[in-house]
Amino acid sequence: MKLSYTNVNGYLIPNLTYKSGEQMEQLGKYGFLRRDYLKNHRNSTYQVMLLQDTIGEHLLEVDKAAREREEVILKQLEEKEPLPDKAADQMAWHRFFG
């Protein structure tokens, strides 16, 4: 993490940035959702993780776990109720994805 400061009314406020921009490039939907949740509802935890430079790793971990769980759930749903054949039954397909 690089520390630079901004002068606000005589106080030096640190400008916090992520150490590794490449971690943010790898981040998916669920990682960004987790980041927003931490920033908006657990700000002190977010700030500590940012200062300790553990936020990027945490967000990638959450994103990976959520995507794996999503795949499991989708497979279970498809086993329970298979998707209709688009060519054979276009109306059923449209009900699913319409």
N, C-alpha and C. Protein backbone atom coordinates (compact mmCIF):
# COMPACT_ATOMS: atom_id res chain seq x y z
N MET A 1 0.85 -1.17 0.00
CA MET A 1 0.00 0.00 0.00
C MET A 1 0.90 1.23 0.00
N LYS A 2 0.58 2.17 -0.89
CA LYS A 2 1.32 3.42 -0.94
C LYS A 2 0.56 4.45 -0.12
N LEU A 3 1.28 5.18 0.71
CA LEU A 3 0.62 6.22 1.50
C LEU A 3 0.99 7.58 0.96
N SER A 4 -0.01 8.32 0.60
CA SER A 4 0.14 9.73 0.29
C SER A 4 -0.92 10.44 1.12
N TYR A 5 -0.76 11.73 1.29
CA TYR A 5 -1.64 12.45 2.19
C TYR A 5 -2.28 13.64 1.49
N THR A 6 -3.48 13.97 1.93
CA THR A 6 -4.20 15.14 1.46
C THR A 6 -4.42 16.07 2.66
N ASN A 7 -4.17 17.35 2.45
CA ASN A 7 -4.37 18.33 3.51
C ASN A 7 -5.83 18.78 3.51
N VAL A 8 -6.54 18.49 4.59
CA VAL A 8 -7.93 18.89 4.73
C VAL A 8 -8.04 19.73 6.00
N ASN A 9 -8.24 21.03 5.81
CA ASN A 9 -8.36 21.96 6.94
C ASN A 9 -7.21 21.83 7.93
N GLY A 10 -6.01 21.67 7.43
CA GLY A 10 -4.84 21.58 8.28
C GLY A 10 -4.53 20.19 8.80
N TYR A 11 -5.37 19.22 8.50
CA TYR A 11 -5.13 17.84 8.92
C TYR A 11 -4.67 17.03 7.72
N LEU A 12 -3.68 16.19 7.93
CA LEU A 12 -3.22 15.31 6.86
C LEU A 12 -4.00 14.01 6.93
N ILE A 13 -4.76 13.75 5.88
CA ILE A 13 -5.59 12.56 5.78
C ILE A 13 -4.92 11.61 4.77
N PRO A 14 -4.69 10.35 5.16
CA PRO A 14 -4.04 9.44 4.20
C PRO A 14 -4.97 9.07 3.05
N ASN A 15 -4.41 9.02 1.86
CA ASN A 15 -5.12 8.52 0.68
C ASN A 15 -4.78 7.05 0.57
N LEU A 16 -5.72 6.20 0.93
CA LEU A 16 -5.46 4.76 0.92
C LEU A 16 -5.80 4.17 -0.43
N THR A 17 -4.90 3.37 -0.95
CA THR A 17 -5.12 2.69 -2.22
C THR A 17 -4.72 1.23 -2.06
N TYR A 18 -5.21 0.41 -2.97
CA TYR A 18 -4.83 -1.00 -2.96
C TYR A 18 -3.40 -1.14 -3.44
N LYS A 19 -2.68 -2.05 -2.81
CA LYS A 19 -1.28 -2.29 -3.18
C LYS A 19 -1.20 -2.87 -4.57
N SER A 20 -2.03 -3.84 -4.83
CA SER A 20 -1.94 -4.55 -6.09
C SER A 20 -3.19 -4.29 -6.92
N GLY A 21 -3.03 -3.54 -7.98
CA GLY A 21 -4.15 -3.27 -8.87
C GLY A 21 -4.61 -4.52 -9.60
N GLU A 22 -3.68 -5.49 -9.76
CA GLU A 22 -4.05 -6.71 -10.48
C GLU A 22 -5.05 -7.54 -9.69
N GLN A 23 -5.03 -7.47 -8.36
CA GLN A 23 -6.03 -8.18 -7.57
C GLN A 23 -7.42 -7.62 -7.87
N MET A 24 -7.53 -6.32 -8.01
CA MET A 24 -8.82 -5.71 -8.31
C MET A 24 -9.28 -6.07 -9.72
N GLU A 25 -8.32 -6.29 -10.63
CA GLU A 25 -8.69 -6.67 -11.99
C GLU A 25 -9.27 -8.08 -12.03
N GLN A 26 -8.83 -8.95 -11.12
CA GLN A 26 -9.31 -10.33 -11.07
C GLN A 26 -10.64 -10.45 -10.34
N LEU A 27 -11.01 -9.43 -9.62
CA LEU A 27 -12.19 -9.47 -8.78
C LEU A 27 -13.47 -9.53 -9.61
N GLY A 28 -14.39 -10.37 -9.19
CA GLY A 28 -15.66 -10.52 -9.89
C GLY A 28 -16.80 -9.86 -9.12
N LYS A 29 -18.00 -10.17 -9.56
CA LYS A 29 -19.22 -9.58 -9.01
C LYS A 29 -19.31 -9.73 -7.49
N TYR A 30 -19.06 -10.94 -7.00
CA TYR A 30 -19.26 -11.20 -5.57
C TYR A 30 -18.18 -10.53 -4.72
N GLY A 31 -16.99 -10.40 -5.25
CA GLY A 31 -15.94 -9.68 -4.54
C GLY A 31 -16.29 -8.21 -4.39
N PHE A 32 -16.82 -7.61 -5.47
CA PHE A 32 -17.22 -6.21 -5.40
C PHE A 32 -18.40 -6.01 -4.45
N LEU A 33 -19.33 -6.97 -4.46
CA LEU A 33 -20.46 -6.88 -3.53
C LEU A 33 -19.97 -6.93 -2.08
N ARG A 34 -19.00 -7.82 -1.81
CA ARG A 34 -18.45 -7.93 -0.46
C ARG A 34 -17.73 -6.63 -0.07
N ARG A 35 -16.97 -6.07 -1.01
CA ARG A 35 -16.28 -4.81 -0.73
C ARG A 35 -17.27 -3.70 -0.39
N ASP A 36 -18.34 -3.61 -1.17
CA ASP A 36 -19.35 -2.58 -0.91
C ASP A 36 -20.02 -2.80 0.43
N TYR A 37 -20.30 -4.05 0.77
CA TYR A 37 -20.91 -4.35 2.07
C TYR A 37 -19.98 -3.90 3.20
N LEU A 38 -18.71 -4.27 3.11
CA LEU A 38 -17.76 -3.89 4.16
C LEU A 38 -17.65 -2.37 4.28
N LYS A 39 -17.57 -1.69 3.14
CA LYS A 39 -17.43 -0.23 3.16
C LYS A 39 -18.66 0.44 3.78
N ASN A 40 -19.85 -0.09 3.48
CA ASN A 40 -21.08 0.57 3.91
C ASN A 40 -21.59 0.12 5.27
N HIS A 41 -21.27 -1.11 5.69
CA HIS A 41 -21.85 -1.64 6.92
C HIS A 41 -20.83 -2.07 7.96
N ARG A 42 -19.60 -2.29 7.56
CA ARG A 42 -18.52 -2.69 8.47
C ARG A 42 -17.28 -1.89 8.15
N ASN A 43 -17.44 -0.57 8.17
CA ASN A 43 -16.38 0.31 7.72
C ASN A 43 -15.10 0.15 8.52
N SER A 44 -15.19 -0.04 9.83
CA SER A 44 -13.97 -0.17 10.62
C SER A 44 -13.21 -1.44 10.22
N THR A 45 -13.92 -2.53 9.97
CA THR A 45 -13.27 -3.77 9.51
C THR A 45 -12.62 -3.54 8.15
N TYR A 46 -13.33 -2.85 7.27
CA TYR A 46 -12.80 -2.54 5.94
C TYR A 46 -11.52 -1.72 6.06
N GLN A 47 -11.53 -0.70 6.90
CA GLN A 47 -10.36 0.17 7.06
C GLN A 47 -9.16 -0.59 7.62
N VAL A 48 -9.41 -1.46 8.60
CA VAL A 48 -8.33 -2.26 9.18
C VAL A 48 -7.73 -3.18 8.12
N MET A 49 -8.60 -3.85 7.36
CA MET A 49 -8.11 -4.75 6.32
C MET A 49 -7.35 -3.98 5.25
N LEU A 50 -7.80 -2.79 4.95
CA LEU A 50 -7.12 -1.95 3.97
C LEU A 50 -5.73 -1.56 4.48
N LEU A 51 -5.66 -1.16 5.73
CA LEU A 51 -4.37 -0.77 6.32
C LEU A 51 -3.41 -1.95 6.44
N GLN A 52 -3.94 -3.13 6.74
CA GLN A 52 -3.10 -4.32 6.87
C GLN A 52 -2.82 -4.96 5.51
N ASP A 53 -3.39 -4.40 4.46
CA ASP A 53 -3.24 -4.90 3.10
C ASP A 53 -3.70 -6.34 2.96
N THR A 54 -4.80 -6.68 3.61
CA THR A 54 -5.37 -8.02 3.48
C THR A 54 -6.70 -8.00 2.73
N ILE A 55 -7.15 -6.82 2.35
CA ILE A 55 -8.47 -6.68 1.73
C ILE A 55 -8.54 -7.37 0.37
N GLY A 56 -7.51 -7.22 -0.44
CA GLY A 56 -7.52 -7.81 -1.78
C GLY A 56 -7.62 -9.33 -1.73
N GLU A 57 -6.82 -9.93 -0.88
CA GLU A 57 -6.85 -11.39 -0.73
C GLU A 57 -8.20 -11.86 -0.21
N HIS A 58 -8.75 -11.13 0.75
CA HIS A 58 -10.06 -11.47 1.32
C HIS A 58 -11.14 -11.41 0.25
N LEU A 59 -11.15 -10.35 -0.54
CA LEU A 59 -12.17 -10.18 -1.56
C LEU A 59 -12.08 -11.26 -2.64
N LEU A 60 -10.86 -11.62 -3.02
CA LEU A 60 -10.69 -12.70 -4.00
C LEU A 60 -11.17 -14.03 -3.45
N GLU A 61 -10.90 -14.27 -2.18
CA GLU A 61 -11.34 -15.50 -1.53
C GLU A 61 -12.88 -15.60 -1.50
N VAL A 62 -13.52 -14.49 -1.11
CA VAL A 62 -14.99 -14.45 -1.06
C VAL A 62 -15.57 -14.65 -2.45
N ASP A 63 -14.98 -13.99 -3.44
CA ASP A 63 -15.47 -14.09 -4.81
C ASP A 63 -15.38 -15.53 -5.31
N LYS A 64 -14.25 -16.18 -5.06
CA LYS A 64 -14.06 -17.56 -5.50
C LYS A 64 -15.05 -18.50 -4.82
N ALA A 65 -15.21 -18.36 -3.51
CA ALA A 65 -16.13 -19.22 -2.77
C ALA A 65 -17.57 -19.04 -3.25
N ALA A 66 -17.96 -17.80 -3.51
CA ALA A 66 -19.33 -17.52 -3.95
C ALA A 66 -19.58 -18.10 -5.34
N ARG A 67 -18.60 -17.97 -6.24
CA ARG A 67 -18.77 -18.53 -7.59
C ARG A 67 -18.85 -20.06 -7.55
N GLU A 68 -18.04 -20.69 -6.69
CA GLU A 68 -18.10 -22.15 -6.56
C GLU A 68 -19.46 -22.58 -6.02
N ARG A 69 -19.95 -21.85 -5.03
CA ARG A 69 -21.27 -22.17 -4.45
C ARG A 69 -22.37 -21.98 -5.49
N GLU A 70 -22.26 -20.93 -6.29
CA GLU A 70 -23.24 -20.67 -7.33
C GLU A 70 -23.29 -21.84 -8.33
N GLU A 71 -22.13 -22.35 -8.71
CA GLU A 71 -22.08 -23.48 -9.63
C GLU A 71 -22.77 -24.71 -9.04
N VAL A 72 -22.52 -24.98 -7.76
CA VAL A 72 -23.14 -26.13 -7.10
C VAL A 72 -24.66 -25.98 -7.08
N ILE A 73 -25.13 -24.80 -6.73
CA ILE A 73 -26.58 -24.55 -6.66
C ILE A 73 -27.22 -24.69 -8.03
N LEU A 74 -26.58 -24.13 -9.06
CA LEU A 74 -27.14 -24.24 -10.41
C LEU A 74 -27.20 -25.69 -10.89
N LYS A 75 -26.16 -26.48 -10.57
CA LYS A 75 -26.19 -27.90 -10.93
C LYS A 75 -27.32 -28.63 -10.21
N GLN A 76 -27.51 -28.33 -8.94
CA GLN A 76 -28.58 -28.96 -8.17
C GLN A 76 -29.95 -28.59 -8.75
N LEU A 77 -30.11 -27.33 -9.10
CA LEU A 77 -31.39 -26.89 -9.69
C LEU A 77 -31.64 -27.56 -11.04
N GLU A 78 -30.59 -27.69 -11.83
CA GLU A 78 -30.75 -28.31 -13.13
C GLU A 78 -31.07 -29.80 -13.01
N GLU A 79 -30.50 -30.47 -12.00
CA GLU A 79 -30.83 -31.88 -11.77
C GLU A 79 -32.27 -32.03 -11.32
N LYS A 80 -32.71 -31.10 -10.50
CA LYS A 80 -34.08 -31.16 -9.97
C LYS A 80 -35.10 -30.88 -11.08
N GLU A 81 -34.82 -29.87 -11.88
CA GLU A 81 -35.74 -29.49 -12.95
C GLU A 81 -34.92 -29.14 -14.19
N PRO A 82 -34.72 -30.10 -15.08
CA PRO A 82 -33.88 -29.87 -16.26
C PRO A 82 -34.43 -28.74 -17.14
N LEU A 83 -33.53 -28.09 -17.82
CA LEU A 83 -33.93 -27.02 -18.73
C LEU A 83 -34.67 -27.61 -19.93
N PRO A 84 -35.68 -26.91 -20.43
CA PRO A 84 -36.40 -27.42 -21.60
C PRO A 84 -35.54 -27.31 -22.85
N ASP A 85 -35.83 -28.16 -23.83
CA ASP A 85 -35.13 -28.12 -25.11
C ASP A 85 -35.69 -26.96 -25.93
N LYS A 86 -34.81 -26.06 -26.31
CA LYS A 86 -35.25 -24.85 -27.02
C LYS A 86 -35.89 -25.21 -28.38
N ALA A 87 -35.30 -26.13 -29.08
CA ALA A 87 -35.82 -26.49 -30.41
C ALA A 87 -37.17 -27.19 -30.30
N ALA A 88 -37.33 -28.04 -29.29
CA ALA A 88 -38.56 -28.84 -29.17
C ALA A 88 -39.71 -28.05 -28.54
N ASP A 89 -39.42 -27.21 -27.58
CA ASP A 89 -40.48 -26.52 -26.84
C ASP A 89 -40.08 -25.06 -26.58
N GLN A 90 -40.29 -24.22 -27.58
CA GLN A 90 -39.87 -22.83 -27.48
C GLN A 90 -40.65 -22.05 -26.42
N MET A 91 -41.91 -22.39 -26.20
CA MET A 91 -42.70 -21.69 -25.18
C MET A 91 -42.16 -21.96 -23.79
N ALA A 92 -41.80 -23.21 -23.50
CA ALA A 92 -41.23 -23.54 -22.20
C ALA A 92 -39.89 -22.83 -22.02
N TRP A 93 -39.11 -22.78 -23.09
CA TRP A 93 -37.83 -22.08 -23.03
C TRP A 93 -38.05 -20.60 -22.72
N HIS A 94 -39.06 -20.03 -23.35
CA HIS A 94 -39.34 -18.62 -23.16
C HIS A 94 -39.81 -18.36 -21.72
N ARG A 95 -40.56 -19.27 -21.13
CA ARG A 95 -41.00 -19.12 -19.73
C ARG A 95 -39.79 -19.10 -18.80
N PHE A 96 -38.78 -19.89 -19.12
CA PHE A 96 -37.58 -19.95 -18.29
C PHE A 96 -36.74 -18.68 -18.42
N PHE A 97 -36.55 -18.23 -19.66
CA PHE A 97 -35.60 -17.17 -19.91
C PHE A 97 -36.23 -15.89 -20.44
N GLY A 98 -37.52 -15.89 -20.64
CA GLY A 98 -38.22 -14.78 -21.26
C GLY A 98 -38.18 -13.55 -20.51
